[in-house]
Protein backbone atom coordinates (compact mmCIF):
# COMPACT_ATOMS: atom_id res chain seq x y z
CA MET A 1 110.08 76.49 143.79
CA ALA A 2 108.52 77.44 140.47
CA LEU A 3 111.98 78.31 139.23
CA GLU A 4 113.25 74.82 140.05
CA ARG A 5 110.38 73.15 138.17
CA ASN A 6 110.74 75.38 135.14
CA SER A 7 114.51 75.18 134.69
CA LYS A 8 114.52 75.39 130.89
CA VAL A 9 116.03 78.59 129.57
CA THR A 10 114.78 79.85 126.25
CA ARG A 11 117.12 82.00 124.23
CA MET A 12 115.79 84.97 122.37
CA LYS A 13 115.67 84.70 118.60
CA PRO A 14 116.43 87.95 116.77
CA ASP A 15 114.23 87.24 113.74
CA ARG A 16 110.96 88.74 114.99
CA PRO A 17 112.47 92.02 116.26
CA LEU A 18 114.40 92.26 112.99
CA ILE A 19 111.24 91.90 110.89
CA LEU A 20 109.42 94.43 113.08
CA SER A 21 112.32 96.89 112.86
CA VAL A 22 112.36 96.70 109.06
CA LEU A 23 108.60 97.30 108.95
CA LEU A 24 108.87 100.28 111.31
CA LEU A 25 111.77 101.75 109.33
CA ALA A 26 109.82 101.37 106.08
CA ALA A 27 106.70 102.94 107.59
CA GLY A 28 108.66 105.82 109.12
CA LEU A 29 110.64 106.61 105.98
CA GLY A 30 107.46 106.20 103.92
CA LEU A 31 105.73 108.83 106.05
CA ILE A 32 108.72 111.16 105.91
CA PHE A 33 109.10 110.96 102.14
CA GLY A 34 105.34 110.79 101.53
CA TYR A 35 104.75 114.18 103.15
CA CYS A 36 107.96 115.85 101.99
CA HIS A 37 108.33 118.83 99.72
CA GLY A 38 111.72 119.20 98.16
CA SER A 39 114.00 118.48 95.32
CA ALA A 40 116.70 116.02 94.38
CA GLY A 41 119.54 116.47 91.96
CA LEU A 42 122.25 114.23 90.59
CA THR A 43 125.25 115.44 88.66
CA ALA A 44 127.46 112.84 87.04
CA ALA A 45 130.86 113.89 85.79
CA LEU A 46 133.73 112.07 84.16
CA PRO A 47 136.22 112.74 86.94
CA VAL A 48 134.46 110.99 89.81
CA SER A 49 135.54 113.73 92.21
CA GLU A 50 133.26 116.17 90.33
CA ALA A 51 130.10 114.07 90.77
CA SER A 52 127.52 115.23 93.31
CA PHE A 53 124.17 114.25 94.77
CA ASN A 54 121.89 116.83 96.39
CA LEU A 55 118.78 115.98 98.37
CA CYS A 56 116.74 118.74 99.97
CA THR A 57 113.54 117.74 101.81
CA THR A 58 111.09 119.46 104.09
CA THR A 59 108.49 117.27 105.75
CA THR A 60 105.23 118.70 107.10
CA GLY A 61 102.17 117.21 108.71
CA PRO A 62 102.00 113.74 110.28
CA GLY A 63 105.23 112.69 108.60
CA ALA A 64 107.23 115.23 110.57
CA VAL A 65 106.43 113.71 113.97
CA GLY A 66 105.10 110.22 113.25
CA GLY A 67 107.65 109.40 110.59
CA PHE A 68 110.52 110.48 112.79
CA ALA A 69 109.18 108.51 115.77
CA LEU A 70 108.66 105.33 113.71
CA THR A 71 112.12 105.64 112.18
CA VAL A 72 113.80 106.07 115.56
CA LEU A 73 111.83 103.14 117.02
CA GLY A 74 112.79 101.01 114.03
CA LEU A 75 116.46 101.91 114.47
CA LEU A 76 116.35 101.02 118.17
CA LEU A 77 114.75 97.66 117.40
CA LEU A 78 117.31 97.03 114.68
CA ILE A 79 120.17 97.65 117.12
CA TRP A 80 118.48 95.43 119.72
CA SER A 81 118.00 92.53 117.29
CA TRP A 82 121.58 92.94 116.07
CA LEU A 83 122.86 92.66 119.65
CA CYS A 84 120.63 89.61 120.26
CA ALA A 85 122.07 87.93 117.17
CA ILE A 86 125.63 88.62 118.32
CA VAL A 87 124.94 87.30 121.83
CA SER A 88 123.29 84.18 120.43
CA GLN A 89 126.31 83.50 118.20
CA ILE A 90 128.69 83.96 121.14
CA ARG A 91 126.64 81.51 123.20
CA LEU A 92 126.88 78.98 120.37
CA LEU A 93 130.66 79.22 120.52
CA GLY A 94 130.62 78.46 124.24
CA ARG A 95 128.55 75.28 123.85
CA GLY A 96 130.75 73.76 121.20
CA GLY A 97 128.89 75.22 118.24
CA LYS A 98 125.86 72.96 118.40
CA ARG A 99 122.50 74.44 117.54
CA GLU A 100 120.46 71.36 118.33
CA GLU A 101 117.10 71.73 119.95
CA PRO A 102 115.43 68.89 121.85
CA ALA A 103 112.89 66.90 119.89
CA LYS A 104 109.29 67.70 120.69
CA ASP A 105 107.07 64.83 121.73
CA GLU A 106 103.91 64.72 119.62
CA PHE A 107 101.97 62.80 122.25
CA PRO A 108 103.09 64.02 125.66
CA GLY A 109 100.49 61.99 127.56
CA ASN A 110 101.63 58.60 126.27
């Protein structure tokens, strides 16, 4: 009976998970590169096939576990929000492409 009364379906918006995934990715990569010990090298050459980029890092401490966990969680949330965005666009195609939302009544009691 509660389902019949509350028949409005709200679709999930991918903006909040996307913002959270970017924050988690930034925090995770910040921890990884903040605690890393390593070197980076860039060699530029005139024939582009001779150019190279070397990055060697070793992360110790909290960045090794926490940074990896935050990065993986951020990637999972990024994939989830990407799938939500695709599903929401497919649903818009099925309804004729309208993205209209019902107007909210400012004074519901009147």
